[in-house]
Amino acid sequence: MPPRVLVIEDDQDVSDMIRAVLEFEGYTVAVARDGADGLLFGREWRPDLILLDINLPKVQGETLLRLFREDDSTRETPMIAMSASATIRRQSERLRAADAALSKPFDIETLLAQVAFHLARRPPSQEPE
């Protein structure tokens, strides 16, 4: 079973691009367009990795990071935060719960490398069966 990646991104062009690239690489991808839906998807779908924008409608990415880390079902799930370069630098202290941060716009190869790296580091209990 291919790894499942949840993309929480309100910009449809960005989320469509990420979905297409990850699906081409063989990942199963779900997309949520706001933080509230992202929280539901994350808890119910149990992804192997979460890519999330920091500036989201309904529930901000920073809040999602905290909520996912407090939840037993997503505590160990690798999470990569995404945002505009200046925003990421200013928020670095508040994004400690993320495993990595990508500045938008980002290079596709960098995205794929981060996804592969963090999926490889998953705890054994999250390995696909």
N, C-alpha and C. Protein backbone atom coordinates (compact mmCIF):
# COMPACT_ATOMS: atom_id res chain seq x y z
N MET A 1 0.85 -1.18 0.00
CA MET A 1 0.00 0.00 0.00
C MET A 1 0.90 1.24 0.00
N PRO A 2 0.67 2.17 -0.94
CA PRO A 2 1.52 3.36 -0.98
C PRO A 2 1.28 4.27 0.22
N PRO A 3 2.31 5.02 0.62
CA PRO A 3 2.14 5.96 1.73
C PRO A 3 1.06 6.99 1.42
N ARG A 4 0.34 7.37 2.46
CA ARG A 4 -0.75 8.33 2.33
C ARG A 4 -0.29 9.70 2.82
N VAL A 5 -0.46 10.69 1.96
CA VAL A 5 -0.04 12.06 2.27
C VAL A 5 -1.27 12.96 2.28
N LEU A 6 -1.44 13.67 3.37
CA LEU A 6 -2.51 14.66 3.47
C LEU A 6 -1.91 16.03 3.20
N VAL A 7 -2.49 16.75 2.22
CA VAL A 7 -2.07 18.10 1.88
C VAL A 7 -3.16 19.05 2.37
N ILE A 8 -2.79 19.96 3.27
CA ILE A 8 -3.74 20.95 3.77
C ILE A 8 -3.28 22.30 3.23
N GLU A 9 -3.95 22.75 2.18
CA GLU A 9 -3.53 23.94 1.44
C GLU A 9 -4.76 24.60 0.83
N ASP A 10 -4.95 25.89 1.10
CA ASP A 10 -6.12 26.58 0.59
C ASP A 10 -5.96 27.10 -0.84
N ASP A 11 -4.75 27.23 -1.34
CA ASP A 11 -4.52 27.69 -2.69
C ASP A 11 -4.67 26.50 -3.63
N GLN A 12 -5.72 26.51 -4.45
CA GLN A 12 -6.02 25.35 -5.28
C GLN A 12 -4.91 25.05 -6.28
N ASP A 13 -4.28 26.07 -6.85
CA ASP A 13 -3.19 25.81 -7.80
C ASP A 13 -2.04 25.08 -7.12
N VAL A 14 -1.69 25.50 -5.92
CA VAL A 14 -0.60 24.87 -5.17
C VAL A 14 -0.97 23.44 -4.79
N SER A 15 -2.17 23.25 -4.26
CA SER A 15 -2.58 21.90 -3.84
C SER A 15 -2.71 20.96 -5.03
N ASP A 16 -3.22 21.47 -6.17
CA ASP A 16 -3.32 20.63 -7.37
C ASP A 16 -1.94 20.20 -7.86
N MET A 17 -0.98 21.12 -7.83
CA MET A 17 0.38 20.81 -8.25
C MET A 17 1.00 19.76 -7.33
N ILE A 18 0.86 19.97 -6.03
CA ILE A 18 1.43 19.02 -5.06
C ILE A 18 0.79 17.64 -5.24
N ARG A 19 -0.53 17.62 -5.37
CA ARG A 19 -1.24 16.34 -5.56
C ARG A 19 -0.72 15.62 -6.81
N ALA A 20 -0.64 16.33 -7.93
CA ALA A 20 -0.20 15.72 -9.18
C ALA A 20 1.21 15.14 -9.07
N VAL A 21 2.11 15.90 -8.48
CA VAL A 21 3.50 15.46 -8.34
C VAL A 21 3.58 14.23 -7.43
N LEU A 22 2.90 14.28 -6.28
CA LEU A 22 2.96 13.15 -5.35
C LEU A 22 2.28 11.91 -5.91
N GLU A 23 1.15 12.08 -6.59
CA GLU A 23 0.49 10.93 -7.18
C GLU A 23 1.34 10.31 -8.29
N PHE A 24 2.02 11.16 -9.07
CA PHE A 24 2.92 10.66 -10.10
C PHE A 24 4.03 9.81 -9.47
N GLU A 25 4.47 10.18 -8.28
CA GLU A 25 5.52 9.44 -7.57
C GLU A 25 4.98 8.20 -6.86
N GLY A 26 3.66 7.98 -6.92
CA GLY A 26 3.09 6.76 -6.36
C GLY A 26 2.44 6.89 -4.99
N TYR A 27 2.36 8.09 -4.46
CA TYR A 27 1.72 8.31 -3.16
C TYR A 27 0.21 8.41 -3.33
N THR A 28 -0.51 8.04 -2.29
CA THR A 28 -1.95 8.29 -2.23
C THR A 28 -2.11 9.64 -1.55
N VAL A 29 -2.89 10.53 -2.16
CA VAL A 29 -2.97 11.91 -1.68
C VAL A 29 -4.43 12.31 -1.43
N ALA A 30 -4.64 12.99 -0.31
CA ALA A 30 -5.92 13.63 -0.02
C ALA A 30 -5.62 15.11 0.19
N VAL A 31 -6.56 15.97 -0.17
CA VAL A 31 -6.38 17.41 -0.03
C VAL A 31 -7.51 17.98 0.80
N ALA A 32 -7.15 18.83 1.75
CA ALA A 32 -8.12 19.62 2.51
C ALA A 32 -7.82 21.08 2.21
N ARG A 33 -8.86 21.87 2.02
CA ARG A 33 -8.66 23.27 1.62
C ARG A 33 -8.73 24.26 2.77
N ASP A 34 -8.98 23.79 3.98
CA ASP A 34 -8.94 24.68 5.14
C ASP A 34 -8.53 23.87 6.36
N GLY A 35 -8.21 24.58 7.43
CA GLY A 35 -7.70 23.93 8.62
C GLY A 35 -8.70 23.01 9.31
N ALA A 36 -9.96 23.38 9.29
CA ALA A 36 -10.99 22.56 9.95
C ALA A 36 -11.11 21.20 9.24
N ASP A 37 -11.21 21.23 7.91
CA ASP A 37 -11.28 19.97 7.17
C ASP A 37 -9.97 19.19 7.31
N GLY A 38 -8.85 19.90 7.34
CA GLY A 38 -7.57 19.24 7.52
C GLY A 38 -7.48 18.48 8.83
N LEU A 39 -8.01 19.09 9.88
CA LEU A 39 -8.01 18.43 11.19
C LEU A 39 -8.84 17.15 11.15
N LEU A 40 -10.01 17.21 10.53
CA LEU A 40 -10.87 16.03 10.40
C LEU A 40 -10.19 14.94 9.58
N PHE A 41 -9.66 15.31 8.41
CA PHE A 41 -8.96 14.35 7.56
C PHE A 41 -7.80 13.71 8.32
N GLY A 42 -7.02 14.53 8.99
CA GLY A 42 -5.85 14.02 9.71
C GLY A 42 -6.21 12.99 10.76
N ARG A 43 -7.28 13.24 11.48
CA ARG A 43 -7.69 12.32 12.55
C ARG A 43 -8.39 11.08 12.02
N GLU A 44 -9.17 11.22 10.96
CA GLU A 44 -9.95 10.09 10.44
C GLU A 44 -9.19 9.26 9.42
N TRP A 45 -8.46 9.91 8.53
CA TRP A 45 -7.78 9.22 7.44
C TRP A 45 -6.46 8.62 7.86
N ARG A 46 -5.87 9.15 8.92
CA ARG A 46 -4.60 8.68 9.46
C ARG A 46 -3.49 8.64 8.41
N PRO A 47 -3.11 9.80 7.88
CA PRO A 47 -2.07 9.83 6.84
C PRO A 47 -0.71 9.44 7.40
N ASP A 48 0.18 9.07 6.51
CA ASP A 48 1.55 8.74 6.88
C ASP A 48 2.41 10.00 6.98
N LEU A 49 1.96 11.09 6.34
CA LEU A 49 2.67 12.36 6.37
C LEU A 49 1.66 13.47 6.10
N ILE A 50 1.87 14.62 6.74
CA ILE A 50 1.00 15.78 6.54
C ILE A 50 1.83 16.95 6.04
N LEU A 51 1.41 17.53 4.92
CA LEU A 51 1.97 18.77 4.39
C LEU A 51 0.94 19.85 4.67
N LEU A 52 1.30 20.90 5.41
CA LEU A 52 0.28 21.90 5.71
C LEU A 52 0.79 23.32 5.57
N ASP A 53 -0.07 24.12 4.98
CA ASP A 53 0.19 25.54 4.87
C ASP A 53 0.01 26.15 6.26
N ILE A 54 0.72 27.21 6.53
CA ILE A 54 0.60 27.87 7.83
C ILE A 54 -0.58 28.84 7.85
N ASN A 55 -0.82 29.51 6.74
CA ASN A 55 -1.90 30.50 6.67
C ASN A 55 -3.12 29.86 6.02
N LEU A 56 -4.02 29.35 6.87
CA LEU A 56 -5.20 28.64 6.40
C LEU A 56 -6.47 29.30 6.94
N PRO A 57 -7.57 29.18 6.19
CA PRO A 57 -8.85 29.62 6.75
C PRO A 57 -9.35 28.63 7.80
N LYS A 58 -10.16 29.11 8.69
CA LYS A 58 -10.86 28.37 9.75
C LYS A 58 -9.96 27.97 10.91
N VAL A 59 -8.90 27.22 10.65
CA VAL A 59 -7.94 26.85 11.71
C VAL A 59 -6.55 27.05 11.12
N GLN A 60 -5.74 27.89 11.76
CA GLN A 60 -4.39 28.19 11.27
C GLN A 60 -3.48 26.96 11.38
N GLY A 61 -2.48 26.91 10.50
CA GLY A 61 -1.55 25.80 10.48
C GLY A 61 -0.80 25.60 11.78
N GLU A 62 -0.44 26.69 12.42
CA GLU A 62 0.25 26.60 13.71
C GLU A 62 -0.61 25.87 14.74
N THR A 63 -1.90 26.17 14.75
CA THR A 63 -2.84 25.50 15.65
C THR A 63 -2.97 24.02 15.29
N LEU A 64 -3.03 23.74 13.99
CA LEU A 64 -3.11 22.34 13.55
C LEU A 64 -1.91 21.54 14.01
N LEU A 65 -0.72 22.12 13.89
CA LEU A 65 0.48 21.43 14.35
C LEU A 65 0.34 21.02 15.81
N ARG A 66 -0.10 21.96 16.63
CA ARG A 66 -0.25 21.69 18.06
C ARG A 66 -1.32 20.61 18.29
N LEU A 67 -2.46 20.74 17.63
CA LEU A 67 -3.56 19.77 17.83
C LEU A 67 -3.15 18.38 17.36
N PHE A 68 -2.47 18.29 16.23
CA PHE A 68 -2.01 16.98 15.76
C PHE A 68 -1.00 16.37 16.73
N ARG A 69 -0.11 17.17 17.30
CA ARG A 69 0.88 16.64 18.25
C ARG A 69 0.25 16.22 19.58
N GLU A 70 -0.88 16.80 19.92
CA GLU A 70 -1.57 16.44 21.17
C GLU A 70 -2.45 15.21 21.00
N ASP A 71 -2.75 14.82 19.78
CA ASP A 71 -3.66 13.70 19.49
C ASP A 71 -2.85 12.41 19.36
N ASP A 72 -3.23 11.38 20.08
CA ASP A 72 -2.51 10.10 20.03
C ASP A 72 -2.43 9.52 18.62
N SER A 73 -3.47 9.73 17.81
CA SER A 73 -3.50 9.13 16.48
C SER A 73 -2.58 9.83 15.48
N THR A 74 -2.16 11.06 15.76
CA THR A 74 -1.31 11.80 14.83
C THR A 74 -0.02 12.31 15.46
N ARG A 75 0.19 12.02 16.71
CA ARG A 75 1.35 12.55 17.45
C ARG A 75 2.67 12.29 16.73
N GLU A 76 2.85 11.10 16.21
CA GLU A 76 4.10 10.72 15.58
C GLU A 76 4.11 10.92 14.06
N THR A 77 3.03 11.42 13.50
CA THR A 77 2.95 11.62 12.05
C THR A 77 3.90 12.74 11.64
N PRO A 78 4.78 12.50 10.68
CA PRO A 78 5.65 13.58 10.21
C PRO A 78 4.81 14.71 9.60
N MET A 79 5.20 15.95 9.90
CA MET A 79 4.49 17.11 9.39
C MET A 79 5.48 18.10 8.81
N ILE A 80 5.18 18.57 7.61
CA ILE A 80 6.00 19.57 6.94
C ILE A 80 5.15 20.82 6.77
N ALA A 81 5.59 21.92 7.38
CA ALA A 81 4.89 23.20 7.26
C ALA A 81 5.35 23.90 6.00
N MET A 82 4.41 24.62 5.36
CA MET A 82 4.72 25.36 4.14
C MET A 82 4.19 26.79 4.30
N SER A 83 4.97 27.75 3.84
CA SER A 83 4.52 29.13 3.85
C SER A 83 5.49 29.99 3.06
N ALA A 84 5.11 31.24 2.86
CA ALA A 84 5.99 32.18 2.18
C ALA A 84 7.28 32.31 2.98
N SER A 85 8.38 32.51 2.31
CA SER A 85 9.69 32.53 2.93
C SER A 85 9.78 33.43 4.17
N ALA A 86 9.36 34.68 4.04
CA ALA A 86 9.45 35.61 5.17
C ALA A 86 8.58 35.13 6.32
N THR A 87 7.42 34.58 6.01
CA THR A 87 6.51 34.11 7.05
C THR A 87 7.14 32.96 7.83
N ILE A 88 7.75 32.03 7.14
CA ILE A 88 8.38 30.88 7.80
C ILE A 88 9.50 31.36 8.72
N ARG A 89 10.33 32.27 8.25
CA ARG A 89 11.42 32.75 9.10
C ARG A 89 10.89 33.44 10.35
N ARG A 90 9.86 34.23 10.21
CA ARG A 90 9.30 34.94 11.38
C ARG A 90 8.63 33.98 12.35
N GLN A 91 8.10 32.88 11.85
CA GLN A 91 7.34 31.97 12.69
C GLN A 91 8.12 30.73 13.12
N SER A 92 9.41 30.71 12.88
CA SER A 92 10.17 29.49 13.13
C SER A 92 10.03 28.96 14.55
N GLU A 93 10.02 29.82 15.54
CA GLU A 93 9.88 29.37 16.93
C GLU A 93 8.52 28.72 17.16
N ARG A 94 7.49 29.28 16.56
CA ARG A 94 6.13 28.74 16.76
C ARG A 94 5.87 27.49 15.94
N LEU A 95 6.76 27.16 15.02
CA LEU A 95 6.58 25.98 14.17
C LEU A 95 7.43 24.80 14.63
N ARG A 96 7.87 24.83 15.86
CA ARG A 96 8.72 23.75 16.38
C ARG A 96 8.08 22.39 16.25
N ALA A 97 6.76 22.31 16.28
CA ALA A 97 6.08 21.01 16.21
C ALA A 97 6.21 20.37 14.83
N ALA A 98 6.57 21.16 13.83
CA ALA A 98 6.76 20.62 12.48
C ALA A 98 8.10 19.90 12.40
N ASP A 99 8.15 18.88 11.56
CA ASP A 99 9.41 18.17 11.35
C ASP A 99 10.30 18.90 10.36
N ALA A 100 9.69 19.72 9.52
CA ALA A 100 10.43 20.51 8.53
C ALA A 100 9.55 21.66 8.09
N ALA A 101 10.17 22.62 7.40
CA ALA A 101 9.43 23.76 6.87
C ALA A 101 9.93 24.03 5.46
N LEU A 102 9.00 24.27 4.56
CA LEU A 102 9.33 24.62 3.19
C LEU A 102 8.85 26.03 2.90
N SER A 103 9.72 26.84 2.32
CA SER A 103 9.35 28.18 1.92
C SER A 103 8.77 28.14 0.52
N LYS A 104 7.60 28.76 0.36
CA LYS A 104 6.99 28.85 -0.97
C LYS A 104 7.48 30.11 -1.66
N PRO A 105 7.69 30.04 -2.95
CA PRO A 105 7.58 28.85 -3.80
C PRO A 105 8.77 27.91 -3.55
N PHE A 106 8.52 26.62 -3.68
CA PHE A 106 9.59 25.65 -3.45
C PHE A 106 9.85 24.84 -4.70
N ASP A 107 11.00 24.26 -4.74
CA ASP A 107 11.43 23.39 -5.84
C ASP A 107 10.77 22.03 -5.64
N ILE A 108 10.27 21.44 -6.73
CA ILE A 108 9.60 20.14 -6.66
C ILE A 108 10.54 19.07 -6.11
N GLU A 109 11.79 19.09 -6.53
CA GLU A 109 12.74 18.09 -6.04
C GLU A 109 12.95 18.22 -4.52
N THR A 110 12.94 19.43 -4.02
CA THR A 110 13.07 19.64 -2.58
C THR A 110 11.86 19.07 -1.85
N LEU A 111 10.67 19.32 -2.38
CA LEU A 111 9.45 18.77 -1.80
C LEU A 111 9.52 17.25 -1.77
N LEU A 112 9.86 16.64 -2.90
CA LEU A 112 9.92 15.17 -2.96
C LEU A 112 10.98 14.61 -2.02
N ALA A 113 12.11 15.28 -1.92
CA ALA A 113 13.16 14.82 -1.01
C ALA A 113 12.69 14.89 0.44
N GLN A 114 12.02 15.96 0.81
CA GLN A 114 11.52 16.10 2.19
C GLN A 114 10.46 15.03 2.49
N VAL A 115 9.56 14.81 1.55
CA VAL A 115 8.51 13.79 1.75
C VAL A 115 9.16 12.42 1.92
N ALA A 116 10.05 12.05 1.03
CA ALA A 116 10.70 10.73 1.11
C ALA A 116 11.50 10.58 2.41
N PHE A 117 12.24 11.62 2.77
CA PHE A 117 13.05 11.58 3.98
C PHE A 117 12.19 11.36 5.22
N HIS A 118 11.12 12.12 5.35
CA HIS A 118 10.30 12.01 6.56
C HIS A 118 9.46 10.74 6.59
N LEU A 119 9.07 10.24 5.43
CA LEU A 119 8.37 8.95 5.41
C LEU A 119 9.31 7.83 5.81
N ALA A 120 10.57 7.92 5.43
CA ALA A 120 11.55 6.90 5.79
C ALA A 120 11.84 6.90 7.29
N ARG A 121 11.60 8.02 7.96
CA ARG A 121 11.87 8.14 9.39
C ARG A 121 10.67 7.78 10.26
N ARG A 122 9.55 7.38 9.66
CA ARG A 122 8.36 7.06 10.44
C ARG A 122 8.63 5.97 11.46
N PRO A 123 7.93 6.05 12.58
CA PRO A 123 8.03 4.96 13.55
C PRO A 123 7.50 3.66 12.92
N PRO A 124 8.02 2.50 13.34
CA PRO A 124 7.58 1.22 12.76
C PRO A 124 6.07 1.03 12.79
N SER A 125 5.39 1.55 13.80
CA SER A 125 3.94 1.35 13.90
C SER A 125 3.20 2.04 12.78
N GLN A 126 3.85 2.97 12.05
CA GLN A 126 3.19 3.66 10.97
C GLN A 126 3.60 3.13 9.61
N GLU A 127 4.39 2.09 9.58
CA GLU A 127 4.79 1.52 8.29
C GLU A 127 3.56 0.92 7.62
N PRO A 128 3.39 1.10 6.30
CA PRO A 128 2.26 0.49 5.60
C PRO A 128 2.32 -1.01 5.69
N GLU A 129 1.16 -1.64 5.75
CA GLU A 129 1.10 -3.10 5.82
C GLU A 129 1.06 -3.71 4.45
